[in-house]
Amino acid sequence: MQGVLFLLAAAAVATAQSKEAEPSAKEPLIEQRLIHISEELRCLVCQNESLASSRAELANDLREEVRLLIRQDKSDAAIKAYLVERYGDFVLYRPEVKPLTWLLWFGPFALLLCGLVGMALYVRQRQAVQKLAKPLSEKERDQVRVLLKNGESP
């Protein structure tokens, strides 16, 4: 009985301390644009989450900064350029294709191409070796059969 009362008291305390959810959009157009922009930006703390979905404090600060830039009538490109200037290309989920990011964009394809070329060379070499190998004569086959039958080594 005391356990049940304890659980009820704990539940009452937890619900008493909970806050009412704030309206997510005091300015719906700004919030909509913020979400659109922040989905294309990377959280610098979480690194594998978008700025829109991250709950890190830095992500909250960056979203507030983006909100401020939106209120200043900056374009999406200008906002991204500002964040790239401040935090580097890492802040973008899809960085621009430029000499600095060529390895990022084309590196996987180059590795795939190298792997395919290496595999083709290996197969060609194996085929060349197999062509050079002479088949066993009847005498040699008989010797192999005898050795296998007796379990001896040459």
Protein backbone atom coordinates (compact mmCIF):
# COMPACT_ATOMS: atom_id res chain seq x y z
CA MET A 1 0.00 0.00 0.00
CA GLN A 2 2.82 2.38 0.86
CA GLY A 3 4.49 1.58 -2.48
CA VAL A 4 1.34 2.55 -4.37
CA LEU A 5 1.07 5.80 -2.42
CA PHE A 6 4.73 6.55 -3.12
CA LEU A 7 4.23 5.99 -6.87
CA LEU A 8 1.14 8.22 -6.90
CA ALA A 9 3.00 10.97 -5.03
CA ALA A 10 5.95 10.73 -7.43
CA ALA A 11 3.61 10.95 -10.43
CA ALA A 12 1.85 13.97 -8.92
CA VAL A 13 5.17 15.76 -8.33
CA ALA A 14 6.34 15.00 -11.88
CA THR A 15 3.17 16.34 -13.46
CA ALA A 16 3.18 19.40 -11.22
CA GLN A 17 6.68 20.32 -12.39
CA SER A 18 5.96 19.87 -16.09
CA LYS A 19 5.55 22.98 -18.17
CA GLU A 20 2.92 23.71 -20.72
CA ALA A 21 4.27 23.47 -24.24
CA GLU A 22 4.97 26.86 -25.72
CA PRO A 23 3.39 27.62 -29.04
CA SER A 24 5.97 26.68 -31.64
CA ALA A 25 5.20 29.50 -33.98
CA LYS A 26 4.63 32.99 -32.69
CA GLU A 27 5.62 34.04 -36.20
CA PRO A 28 4.63 31.13 -38.45
CA LEU A 29 6.36 32.38 -41.62
CA ILE A 30 9.66 32.92 -39.83
CA GLU A 31 9.42 29.52 -38.13
CA GLN A 32 8.61 27.80 -41.42
CA ARG A 33 11.60 29.41 -43.09
CA LEU A 34 13.79 28.63 -40.07
CA ILE A 35 12.87 24.94 -40.30
CA HIS A 36 13.56 24.90 -44.05
CA ILE A 37 17.01 26.47 -43.59
CA SER A 38 17.99 24.55 -40.46
CA GLU A 39 17.21 21.18 -42.07
CA GLU A 40 20.07 21.89 -44.49
CA LEU A 41 22.49 22.80 -41.69
CA ARG A 42 24.45 20.44 -39.45
CA CYS A 43 24.49 20.70 -35.68
CA LEU A 44 28.10 21.40 -34.75
CA VAL A 45 27.76 19.50 -31.47
CA CYS A 46 25.85 16.39 -32.61
CA GLN A 47 27.51 16.38 -36.07
CA ASN A 48 25.13 13.80 -37.50
CA GLU A 49 21.91 15.67 -36.82
CA SER A 50 20.38 18.58 -38.60
CA LEU A 51 20.15 21.87 -36.82
CA ALA A 52 16.36 21.50 -36.95
CA SER A 53 16.30 18.23 -35.01
CA SER A 54 19.14 18.83 -32.55
CA ARG A 55 18.41 19.71 -28.93
CA ALA A 56 21.95 20.84 -28.06
CA GLU A 57 22.34 24.30 -26.54
CA LEU A 58 24.55 25.43 -29.40
CA ALA A 59 21.85 24.31 -31.84
CA ASN A 60 19.31 26.43 -29.95
CA ASP A 61 21.69 29.40 -30.14
CA LEU A 62 22.26 28.88 -33.86
CA ARG A 63 18.52 28.60 -34.52
CA GLU A 64 18.02 31.86 -32.64
CA GLU A 65 20.77 33.44 -34.72
CA VAL A 66 19.12 32.21 -37.92
CA ARG A 67 15.79 33.61 -36.67
CA LEU A 68 17.46 36.97 -36.13
CA LEU A 69 18.94 36.92 -39.64
CA ILE A 70 15.53 36.02 -41.09
CA ARG A 71 13.99 38.98 -39.26
CA GLN A 72 16.67 41.16 -40.85
CA ASP A 73 15.33 40.03 -44.27
CA LYS A 74 18.48 38.11 -45.22
CA SER A 75 18.08 35.58 -48.02
CA ASP A 76 18.57 31.86 -47.40
CA ALA A 77 21.82 31.97 -49.37
CA ALA A 78 23.07 34.94 -47.33
CA ILE A 79 22.25 33.16 -44.07
CA LYS A 80 24.10 30.01 -45.18
CA ALA A 81 27.05 32.09 -46.41
CA TYR A 82 27.21 33.85 -43.03
CA LEU A 83 27.21 30.52 -41.16
CA VAL A 84 29.82 29.02 -43.52
CA GLU A 85 32.02 32.06 -43.05
CA ARG A 86 31.71 31.72 -39.31
CA TYR A 87 31.82 27.91 -38.88
CA GLY A 88 33.24 26.56 -42.15
CA ASP A 89 31.79 24.21 -44.78
CA PHE A 90 31.17 21.58 -42.10
CA VAL A 91 27.99 23.40 -41.06
CA LEU A 92 26.37 22.51 -44.42
CA TYR A 93 24.96 19.04 -44.98
CA ARG A 94 25.59 19.46 -48.71
CA PRO A 95 28.68 21.63 -49.15
CA GLU A 96 29.22 23.34 -52.48
CA VAL A 97 31.34 21.64 -55.12
CA LYS A 98 34.59 23.61 -55.12
CA PRO A 99 38.28 22.65 -55.13
CA LEU A 100 38.33 22.44 -51.35
CA THR A 101 35.50 19.86 -51.32
CA TRP A 102 36.38 17.85 -54.44
CA LEU A 103 37.72 14.97 -52.36
CA LEU A 104 34.47 14.87 -50.39
CA TRP A 105 32.33 14.82 -53.53
CA PHE A 106 34.45 12.73 -55.89
CA GLY A 107 36.56 10.65 -53.48
CA PRO A 108 34.07 7.77 -53.16
CA PHE A 109 33.76 7.48 -56.94
CA ALA A 110 37.55 7.56 -57.33
CA LEU A 111 37.91 4.77 -54.74
CA LEU A 112 35.25 2.72 -56.51
CA LEU A 113 37.00 3.22 -59.85
CA CYS A 114 40.37 2.20 -58.33
CA GLY A 115 38.77 -0.92 -56.87
CA LEU A 116 37.21 -1.88 -60.20
CA VAL A 117 40.48 -1.32 -62.08
CA GLY A 118 42.38 -3.35 -59.46
CA MET A 119 39.85 -6.18 -59.70
CA ALA A 120 40.03 -6.18 -63.52
CA LEU A 121 43.86 -6.34 -63.41
CA TYR A 122 43.73 -9.19 -60.89
CA VAL A 123 41.29 -11.19 -63.02
CA ARG A 124 43.40 -10.64 -66.16
CA GLN A 125 46.54 -11.77 -64.36
CA ARG A 126 44.80 -14.90 -63.05
CA GLN A 127 43.57 -15.76 -66.53
CA ALA A 128 47.09 -15.31 -67.96
CA VAL A 129 48.55 -17.63 -65.30
CA GLN A 130 45.89 -20.24 -65.96
CA LYS A 131 46.64 -20.16 -69.70
CA LEU A 132 50.34 -20.79 -69.01
CA ALA A 133 49.69 -23.75 -66.73
CA LYS A 134 50.05 -27.11 -68.51
CA PRO A 135 47.49 -29.80 -67.87
CA LEU A 136 48.73 -33.01 -66.19
CA SER A 137 49.76 -35.90 -68.38
CA GLU A 138 48.22 -39.34 -67.90
CA LYS A 139 51.38 -40.53 -66.16
CA GLU A 140 51.26 -37.60 -63.70
CA ARG A 141 47.57 -38.20 -63.01
CA ASP A 142 48.26 -41.84 -62.22
CA GLN A 143 51.02 -40.78 -59.80
CA VAL A 144 48.63 -38.36 -58.07
CA ARG A 145 45.96 -41.07 -57.75
CA VAL A 146 48.47 -43.47 -56.21
CA LEU A 147 49.71 -40.85 -53.75
CA LEU A 148 46.18 -39.90 -52.73
CA LYS A 149 45.20 -43.53 -52.35
CA ASN A 150 48.21 -44.31 -50.14
CA GLY A 151 47.99 -41.04 -48.21
CA GLU A 152 51.66 -40.29 -48.81
CA SER A 153 53.27 -36.96 -49.43
CA PRO A 154 55.65 -36.53 -52.43
